[in-house]
């Protein structure tokens, strides 16, 4: 993401000239490890779009390695939560489903994340999002739950 592009709090692009309402670090200047820790911090703070952007940078760093799918899953996780916050039940269900499988593929614990606990949470969220796909009612608010840590 280009840091100068104005966005709202949920990462949606704003018209040129509008003030930026989402301040994020320039992730390309961080190491993979720094991006991963920043993504967790952003996720824990409820900034799911920021977490998505940081994990997307990690995914880019991990291309061609055995961690590529793991970080792709985390990027999808952040995007899925972002879709939830924007009220898109179908997008949330689809992305969270893809994310859950990719994160869990690395085993129950990886890079400080308790994937097994996360999977159980994601399964509940996916089921809820799927129920709301045909509703006119908005998705319920997300509970403020941090990334489950394994260390």
N, C-alpha and C. Protein backbone atom coordinates (compact mmCIF):
# COMPACT_ATOMS: atom_id res chain seq x y z
N UNK A 1 0.84 -1.18 0.00
CA UNK A 1 0.00 0.00 0.00
C UNK A 1 0.88 1.24 0.00
N UNK A 2 0.53 2.20 -0.79
CA UNK A 2 1.24 3.47 -0.81
C UNK A 2 0.75 4.29 0.38
N UNK A 3 1.67 4.72 1.26
CA UNK A 3 1.23 5.41 2.47
C UNK A 3 0.52 6.73 2.20
N UNK A 4 0.75 7.37 1.04
CA UNK A 4 0.13 8.66 0.77
C UNK A 4 -1.30 8.56 0.26
N UNK A 5 -1.76 7.37 -0.06
CA UNK A 5 -3.13 7.21 -0.57
C UNK A 5 -4.12 7.43 0.58
N UNK A 6 -5.02 8.41 0.46
CA UNK A 6 -5.95 8.64 1.58
C UNK A 6 -6.96 7.49 1.71
N UNK A 7 -7.17 7.07 2.94
CA UNK A 7 -8.10 5.98 3.24
C UNK A 7 -8.89 6.33 4.49
N UNK A 8 -10.06 5.68 4.61
CA UNK A 8 -10.83 5.83 5.84
C UNK A 8 -10.33 4.82 6.87
N UNK A 9 -10.97 4.79 8.03
CA UNK A 9 -10.52 3.94 9.13
C UNK A 9 -10.59 2.45 8.79
N UNK A 10 -11.41 2.07 7.82
CA UNK A 10 -11.55 0.66 7.44
C UNK A 10 -10.77 0.33 6.17
N UNK A 11 -9.89 1.24 5.75
CA UNK A 11 -9.03 0.98 4.61
C UNK A 11 -9.62 1.29 3.26
N UNK A 12 -10.83 1.82 3.22
CA UNK A 12 -11.45 2.15 1.93
C UNK A 12 -10.79 3.40 1.36
N UNK A 13 -10.50 3.39 0.05
CA UNK A 13 -9.89 4.57 -0.58
C UNK A 13 -10.83 5.78 -0.50
N UNK A 14 -10.24 6.93 -0.26
CA UNK A 14 -10.98 8.19 -0.24
C UNK A 14 -10.63 8.99 -1.50
N UNK A 15 -11.48 9.93 -1.87
CA UNK A 15 -11.17 10.76 -3.04
C UNK A 15 -9.87 11.54 -2.84
N UNK A 16 -9.19 11.79 -3.95
CA UNK A 16 -7.95 12.58 -3.90
C UNK A 16 -8.23 13.91 -3.21
N UNK A 17 -7.30 14.32 -2.38
CA UNK A 17 -7.44 15.58 -1.67
C UNK A 17 -8.09 15.46 -0.31
N UNK A 18 -8.75 14.35 -0.04
CA UNK A 18 -9.36 14.13 1.27
C UNK A 18 -8.25 13.83 2.28
N UNK A 19 -8.46 14.20 3.54
CA UNK A 19 -7.44 13.86 4.55
C UNK A 19 -7.43 12.35 4.81
N UNK A 20 -6.25 11.83 5.00
CA UNK A 20 -6.08 10.41 5.31
C UNK A 20 -6.54 10.16 6.74
N UNK A 21 -7.38 9.17 6.95
CA UNK A 21 -7.87 8.84 8.29
C UNK A 21 -7.29 7.53 8.80
N UNK A 22 -6.32 6.98 8.06
CA UNK A 22 -5.69 5.72 8.47
C UNK A 22 -4.19 5.86 8.32
N UNK A 23 -3.50 5.97 9.43
CA UNK A 23 -2.04 6.09 9.41
C UNK A 23 -1.42 4.72 9.67
N UNK A 24 -0.62 4.26 8.73
CA UNK A 24 0.08 2.98 8.87
C UNK A 24 1.55 3.19 8.60
N UNK A 25 2.39 2.36 9.23
CA UNK A 25 3.82 2.43 8.91
C UNK A 25 4.07 1.97 7.48
N UNK A 26 5.23 2.29 6.97
CA UNK A 26 5.62 1.82 5.65
C UNK A 26 6.23 0.43 5.84
N UNK A 27 5.43 -0.60 5.61
CA UNK A 27 5.82 -1.97 5.93
C UNK A 27 7.01 -2.47 5.11
N UNK A 28 7.19 -1.93 3.91
CA UNK A 28 8.31 -2.38 3.07
C UNK A 28 9.66 -2.04 3.68
N UNK A 29 9.70 -1.16 4.67
CA UNK A 29 10.95 -0.81 5.34
C UNK A 29 11.22 -1.70 6.55
N UNK A 30 10.32 -2.63 6.83
CA UNK A 30 10.46 -3.53 7.98
C UNK A 30 10.91 -4.91 7.52
N UNK A 31 11.49 -5.66 8.44
CA UNK A 31 11.81 -7.06 8.17
C UNK A 31 10.53 -7.88 8.26
N UNK A 32 10.59 -9.11 7.80
CA UNK A 32 9.44 -10.00 7.91
C UNK A 32 9.01 -10.12 9.37
N UNK A 33 9.97 -10.31 10.27
CA UNK A 33 9.64 -10.48 11.69
C UNK A 33 8.98 -9.23 12.26
N UNK A 34 9.52 -8.05 11.89
CA UNK A 34 8.93 -6.80 12.37
C UNK A 34 7.51 -6.62 11.84
N UNK A 35 7.32 -6.93 10.56
CA UNK A 35 5.97 -6.83 9.96
C UNK A 35 5.00 -7.77 10.66
N UNK A 36 5.44 -8.98 10.94
CA UNK A 36 4.57 -9.96 11.60
C UNK A 36 4.16 -9.46 12.98
N UNK A 37 5.11 -8.97 13.76
CA UNK A 37 4.79 -8.46 15.10
C UNK A 37 3.89 -7.23 15.01
N UNK A 38 4.15 -6.37 14.03
CA UNK A 38 3.30 -5.18 13.86
C UNK A 38 1.89 -5.59 13.44
N UNK A 39 1.78 -6.60 12.59
CA UNK A 39 0.46 -7.10 12.18
C UNK A 39 -0.32 -7.60 13.39
N UNK A 40 0.33 -8.34 14.26
CA UNK A 40 -0.34 -8.84 15.46
C UNK A 40 -0.77 -7.67 16.34
N UNK A 41 0.11 -6.67 16.51
CA UNK A 41 -0.22 -5.50 17.32
C UNK A 41 -1.44 -4.76 16.72
N UNK A 42 -1.43 -4.57 15.40
CA UNK A 42 -2.54 -3.89 14.74
C UNK A 42 -3.84 -4.69 14.88
N UNK A 43 -3.75 -6.00 14.68
CA UNK A 43 -4.94 -6.86 14.82
C UNK A 43 -5.50 -6.75 16.24
N UNK A 44 -4.61 -6.86 17.23
CA UNK A 44 -5.04 -6.79 18.62
C UNK A 44 -5.70 -5.45 18.95
N UNK A 45 -5.30 -4.39 18.23
CA UNK A 45 -5.88 -3.06 18.43
C UNK A 45 -7.16 -2.85 17.62
N UNK A 46 -7.57 -3.88 16.85
CA UNK A 46 -8.78 -3.77 16.05
C UNK A 46 -8.58 -3.13 14.69
N UNK A 47 -7.32 -2.91 14.30
CA UNK A 47 -7.01 -2.33 12.98
C UNK A 47 -6.75 -3.49 12.03
N UNK A 48 -7.82 -4.12 11.57
CA UNK A 48 -7.71 -5.33 10.77
C UNK A 48 -7.18 -5.05 9.37
N UNK A 49 -7.50 -3.89 8.81
CA UNK A 49 -6.95 -3.55 7.50
C UNK A 49 -5.44 -3.36 7.60
N UNK A 50 -4.99 -2.69 8.65
CA UNK A 50 -3.55 -2.52 8.86
C UNK A 50 -2.85 -3.86 9.04
N UNK A 51 -3.48 -4.76 9.80
CA UNK A 51 -2.91 -6.10 9.97
C UNK A 51 -2.84 -6.82 8.64
N UNK A 52 -3.90 -6.70 7.83
CA UNK A 52 -3.90 -7.29 6.49
C UNK A 52 -2.72 -6.77 5.68
N UNK A 53 -2.51 -5.47 5.67
CA UNK A 53 -1.42 -4.88 4.89
C UNK A 53 -0.06 -5.38 5.37
N UNK A 54 0.13 -5.45 6.69
CA UNK A 54 1.41 -5.93 7.23
C UNK A 54 1.63 -7.40 6.87
N UNK A 55 0.61 -8.24 7.04
CA UNK A 55 0.76 -9.66 6.70
C UNK A 55 0.90 -9.86 5.20
N UNK A 56 0.31 -8.98 4.41
CA UNK A 56 0.49 -9.07 2.96
C UNK A 56 1.96 -8.81 2.59
N UNK A 57 2.60 -7.89 3.31
CA UNK A 57 4.03 -7.65 3.11
C UNK A 57 4.82 -8.88 3.51
N UNK A 58 4.47 -9.51 4.63
CA UNK A 58 5.13 -10.76 5.05
C UNK A 58 4.98 -11.82 3.98
N UNK A 59 3.80 -11.92 3.42
CA UNK A 59 3.54 -12.89 2.35
C UNK A 59 4.47 -12.65 1.18
N UNK A 60 4.64 -11.39 0.82
CA UNK A 60 5.57 -11.07 -0.27
C UNK A 60 6.98 -11.50 0.05
N UNK A 61 7.42 -11.27 1.29
CA UNK A 61 8.76 -11.70 1.71
C UNK A 61 8.88 -13.22 1.67
N UNK A 62 7.81 -13.92 1.96
CA UNK A 62 7.84 -15.38 2.09
C UNK A 62 7.59 -16.12 0.78
N UNK A 63 7.34 -15.40 -0.31
CA UNK A 63 7.07 -16.07 -1.60
C UNK A 63 8.20 -17.04 -1.93
N UNK A 64 7.79 -18.24 -2.34
CA UNK A 64 8.76 -19.26 -2.70
C UNK A 64 9.33 -20.04 -1.53
N UNK A 65 8.85 -19.76 -0.31
CA UNK A 65 9.32 -20.49 0.87
C UNK A 65 8.18 -21.35 1.41
N UNK A 66 8.50 -22.16 2.42
CA UNK A 66 7.46 -23.00 3.01
C UNK A 66 6.50 -22.20 3.90
N UNK A 67 6.74 -20.90 4.08
CA UNK A 67 5.84 -20.06 4.87
C UNK A 67 4.91 -19.20 4.01
N UNK A 68 5.03 -19.32 2.70
CA UNK A 68 4.22 -18.49 1.81
C UNK A 68 2.72 -18.64 2.09
N UNK A 69 2.23 -19.86 2.17
CA UNK A 69 0.80 -20.10 2.39
C UNK A 69 0.35 -19.63 3.77
N UNK A 70 1.21 -19.77 4.77
CA UNK A 70 0.88 -19.31 6.13
C UNK A 70 0.62 -17.80 6.12
N UNK A 71 1.55 -17.04 5.55
CA UNK A 71 1.38 -15.59 5.53
C UNK A 71 0.27 -15.15 4.59
N UNK A 72 0.05 -15.90 3.52
CA UNK A 72 -1.10 -15.61 2.65
C UNK A 72 -2.38 -15.77 3.46
N UNK A 73 -2.44 -16.82 4.27
CA UNK A 73 -3.61 -17.03 5.13
C UNK A 73 -3.81 -15.92 6.13
N UNK A 74 -2.72 -15.44 6.73
CA UNK A 74 -2.84 -14.33 7.68
C UNK A 74 -3.30 -13.06 6.98
N UNK A 75 -2.80 -12.80 5.77
CA UNK A 75 -3.26 -11.63 5.01
C UNK A 75 -4.75 -11.77 4.72
N UNK A 76 -5.19 -12.97 4.37
CA UNK A 76 -6.62 -13.21 4.12
C UNK A 76 -7.43 -13.04 5.41
N UNK A 77 -6.84 -13.42 6.53
CA UNK A 77 -7.50 -13.24 7.82
C UNK A 77 -7.79 -11.77 8.07
N UNK A 78 -6.77 -10.93 7.90
CA UNK A 78 -6.97 -9.50 8.09
C UNK A 78 -8.01 -8.95 7.13
N UNK A 79 -7.98 -9.42 5.87
CA UNK A 79 -8.97 -8.98 4.88
C UNK A 79 -10.37 -9.46 5.26
N UNK A 80 -10.48 -10.68 5.77
CA UNK A 80 -11.77 -11.21 6.18
C UNK A 80 -12.38 -10.41 7.31
N UNK A 81 -11.57 -10.07 8.31
CA UNK A 81 -12.05 -9.24 9.41
C UNK A 81 -12.44 -7.85 8.89
N UNK A 82 -11.66 -7.32 7.93
CA UNK A 82 -11.98 -6.02 7.34
C UNK A 82 -13.33 -6.07 6.63
N UNK A 83 -13.58 -7.14 5.88
CA UNK A 83 -14.88 -7.29 5.22
C UNK A 83 -16.01 -7.34 6.26
N UNK A 84 -15.77 -8.03 7.37
CA UNK A 84 -16.77 -8.09 8.44
C UNK A 84 -17.08 -6.68 8.93
N UNK A 85 -16.04 -5.90 9.21
CA UNK A 85 -16.23 -4.54 9.72
C UNK A 85 -16.96 -3.66 8.71
N UNK A 86 -16.79 -3.94 7.44
CA UNK A 86 -17.46 -3.18 6.39
C UNK A 86 -18.88 -3.69 6.12
N UNK A 87 -19.28 -4.77 6.79
CA UNK A 87 -20.63 -5.31 6.64
C UNK A 87 -20.80 -6.30 5.51
N UNK A 88 -19.72 -6.80 4.96
CA UNK A 88 -19.78 -7.73 3.83
C UNK A 88 -19.69 -9.17 4.35
N UNK A 89 -20.83 -9.76 4.66
CA UNK A 89 -20.87 -11.11 5.24
C UNK A 89 -20.29 -12.15 4.29
N UNK A 90 -20.63 -12.08 3.01
CA UNK A 90 -20.13 -13.07 2.05
C UNK A 90 -18.61 -12.99 1.94
N UNK A 91 -18.06 -11.80 1.79
CA UNK A 91 -16.61 -11.64 1.70
C UNK A 91 -15.91 -12.10 2.96
N UNK A 92 -16.49 -11.79 4.12
CA UNK A 92 -15.91 -12.22 5.39
C UNK A 92 -15.87 -13.74 5.48
N UNK A 93 -16.99 -14.39 5.18
CA UNK A 93 -17.05 -15.85 5.27
C UNK A 93 -16.05 -16.51 4.32
N UNK A 94 -15.98 -16.02 3.10
CA UNK A 94 -15.08 -16.62 2.11
C UNK A 94 -13.62 -16.45 2.51
N UNK A 95 -13.22 -15.24 2.88
CA UNK A 95 -11.82 -15.00 3.21
C UNK A 95 -11.42 -15.67 4.52
N UNK A 96 -12.30 -15.65 5.52
CA UNK A 96 -11.97 -16.31 6.78
C UNK A 96 -11.85 -17.82 6.60
N UNK A 97 -12.67 -18.39 5.72
CA UNK A 97 -12.57 -19.83 5.44
C UNK A 97 -11.24 -20.19 4.80
N UNK A 98 -10.82 -19.40 3.82
CA UNK A 98 -9.52 -19.65 3.18
C UNK A 98 -8.38 -19.45 4.17
N UNK A 99 -8.50 -18.41 4.98
CA UNK A 99 -7.46 -18.10 5.96
C UNK A 99 -7.30 -19.23 6.97
N UNK A 100 -8.41 -19.72 7.49
CA UNK A 100 -8.37 -20.76 8.52
C UNK A 100 -7.61 -21.99 8.04
N UNK A 101 -7.88 -22.41 6.83
CA UNK A 101 -7.20 -23.61 6.30
C UNK A 101 -5.70 -23.36 6.14
N UNK A 102 -5.33 -22.20 5.63
CA UNK A 102 -3.91 -21.92 5.39
C UNK A 102 -3.13 -21.76 6.70
N UNK A 103 -3.73 -21.12 7.68
CA UNK A 103 -3.05 -20.91 8.96
C UNK A 103 -2.86 -22.24 9.66
N UNK A 104 -3.88 -23.06 9.65
CA UNK A 104 -3.83 -24.35 10.36
C UNK A 104 -2.87 -25.33 9.69
N UNK A 105 -2.64 -25.18 8.40
CA UNK A 105 -1.74 -26.09 7.68
C UNK A 105 -0.33 -26.13 8.26
N UNK A 106 0.10 -25.08 8.94
CA UNK A 106 1.44 -25.04 9.52
C UNK A 106 1.52 -25.76 10.86
N UNK A 107 0.42 -26.26 11.34
CA UNK A 107 0.41 -26.96 12.62
C UNK A 107 -0.30 -26.13 13.67
N UNK A 108 -0.44 -26.70 14.88
CA UNK A 108 -1.22 -26.02 15.91
C UNK A 108 -0.58 -24.73 16.44
N UNK A 109 0.75 -24.61 16.29
CA UNK A 109 1.44 -23.42 16.77
C UNK A 109 2.54 -23.07 15.77
N UNK A 110 2.56 -21.80 15.35
CA UNK A 110 3.59 -21.37 14.42
C UNK A 110 3.79 -19.87 14.54
N UNK A 111 5.03 -19.46 14.56
CA UNK A 111 5.41 -18.04 14.62
C UNK A 111 4.68 -17.31 15.74
N UNK A 112 4.55 -17.97 16.89
CA UNK A 112 3.94 -17.35 18.05
C UNK A 112 2.42 -17.34 18.06
N UNK A 113 1.79 -17.94 17.06
CA UNK A 113 0.33 -17.95 16.98
C UNK A 113 -0.19 -19.34 17.32
N UNK A 114 -1.19 -19.38 18.18
CA UNK A 114 -1.88 -20.64 18.52
C UNK A 114 -2.95 -20.86 17.45
N UNK A 115 -2.57 -21.56 16.40
CA UNK A 115 -3.46 -21.75 15.24
C UNK A 115 -4.69 -22.57 15.59
N UNK A 116 -4.55 -23.52 16.50
CA UNK A 116 -5.69 -24.37 16.86
C UNK A 116 -6.79 -23.53 17.54
N UNK A 117 -6.39 -22.67 18.46
CA UNK A 117 -7.36 -21.79 19.13
C UNK A 117 -7.96 -20.80 18.13
N UNK A 118 -7.11 -20.27 17.25
CA UNK A 118 -7.59 -19.34 16.23
C UNK A 118 -8.60 -20.02 15.32
N UNK A 119 -8.32 -21.27 14.95
CA UNK A 119 -9.22 -22.00 14.04
C UNK A 119 -10.61 -22.13 14.66
N UNK A 120 -10.67 -22.46 15.95
CA UNK A 120 -11.97 -22.59 16.62
C UNK A 120 -12.73 -21.26 16.58
N UNK A 121 -12.03 -20.15 16.82
CA UNK A 121 -12.67 -18.83 16.76
C UNK A 121 -13.15 -18.54 15.34
N UNK A 122 -12.29 -18.83 14.36
CA UNK A 122 -12.65 -18.55 12.97
C UNK A 122 -13.85 -19.39 12.53
N UNK A 123 -13.91 -20.64 12.96
CA UNK A 123 -15.05 -21.49 12.61
C UNK A 123 -16.36 -20.86 13.10
N UNK A 124 -16.35 -20.30 14.31
CA UNK A 124 -17.55 -19.63 14.84
C UNK A 124 -17.90 -18.39 14.01
N UNK A 125 -16.88 -17.61 13.68
CA UNK A 125 -17.12 -16.40 12.88
C UNK A 125 -17.62 -16.74 11.48
N UNK A 126 -17.03 -17.75 10.88
CA UNK A 126 -17.45 -18.17 9.53
C UNK A 126 -18.92 -18.59 9.55
N UNK A 127 -19.31 -19.39 10.55
CA UNK A 127 -20.70 -19.84 10.65
C UNK A 127 -21.65 -18.65 10.81
N UNK A 128 -21.25 -17.68 11.63
CA UNK A 128 -22.08 -16.49 11.82
C UNK A 128 -22.19 -15.70 10.52
N UNK A 129 -21.06 -15.47 9.86
CA UNK A 129 -21.07 -14.71 8.60
C UNK A 129 -21.94 -15.41 7.56
N UNK A 130 -21.85 -16.73 7.49
CA UNK A 130 -22.66 -17.47 6.52
C UNK A 130 -24.15 -17.31 6.80
N UNK A 131 -24.52 -17.28 8.08
CA UNK A 131 -25.93 -17.07 8.43
C UNK A 131 -26.42 -15.69 8.01
N UNK A 132 -25.53 -14.71 8.01
CA UNK A 132 -25.90 -13.33 7.69
C UNK A 132 -25.81 -13.01 6.20
N UNK A 133 -25.31 -13.93 5.40
CA UNK A 133 -25.17 -13.66 3.96
C UNK A 133 -26.50 -13.31 3.31
N UNK A 134 -27.59 -13.90 3.78
CA UNK A 134 -28.90 -13.63 3.18
C UNK A 134 -29.75 -12.71 4.05
N UNK A 135 -29.20 -12.17 5.11
CA UNK A 135 -29.94 -11.28 6.01
C UNK A 135 -29.86 -9.84 5.51
N UNK A 136 -30.87 -9.09 5.86
CA UNK A 136 -30.77 -7.65 5.64
C UNK A 136 -30.20 -6.97 6.87
N UNK A 137 -30.18 -7.71 7.99
CA UNK A 137 -29.61 -7.17 9.23
C UNK A 137 -28.10 -7.11 9.11
N UNK A 138 -27.48 -6.12 9.76
CA UNK A 138 -26.02 -6.04 9.72
C UNK A 138 -25.37 -7.15 10.55
N UNK A 139 -24.14 -7.46 10.20
CA UNK A 139 -23.37 -8.43 10.99
C UNK A 139 -23.24 -7.91 12.42
N UNK A 140 -23.21 -8.81 13.40
CA UNK A 140 -22.99 -8.35 14.77
C UNK A 140 -21.57 -7.79 14.93
N UNK A 141 -21.40 -6.96 15.92
CA UNK A 141 -20.07 -6.39 16.19
C UNK A 141 -19.09 -7.50 16.54
N UNK A 142 -17.87 -7.33 16.10
CA UNK A 142 -16.82 -8.29 16.44
C UNK A 142 -16.37 -8.07 17.88
N UNK A 143 -16.19 -9.14 18.61
CA UNK A 143 -15.62 -9.03 19.95
C UNK A 143 -14.14 -8.68 19.82
N UNK A 144 -13.65 -7.86 20.71
CA UNK A 144 -12.24 -7.49 20.69
C UNK A 144 -11.43 -8.65 21.27
N UNK A 145 -10.95 -9.51 20.39
CA UNK A 145 -10.17 -10.68 20.81
C UNK A 145 -8.80 -10.62 20.15
N UNK A 146 -7.74 -10.66 20.96
CA UNK A 146 -6.40 -10.60 20.38
C UNK A 146 -6.04 -11.90 19.66
N UNK A 147 -4.99 -11.82 18.86
CA UNK A 147 -4.45 -13.02 18.22
C UNK A 147 -4.06 -13.99 19.33
N UNK A 148 -4.54 -15.24 19.30
CA UNK A 148 -4.13 -16.20 20.33
C UNK A 148 -2.65 -16.53 20.17
N UNK A 149 -1.90 -16.34 21.23
CA UNK A 149 -0.45 -16.54 21.18
C UNK A 149 -0.06 -17.89 21.76
N UNK A 150 1.01 -18.44 21.21
CA UNK A 150 1.47 -19.75 21.68
C UNK A 150 2.69 -19.65 22.58
N UNK A 151 3.20 -18.45 22.81
CA UNK A 151 4.37 -18.33 23.70
C UNK A 151 4.07 -17.46 24.86
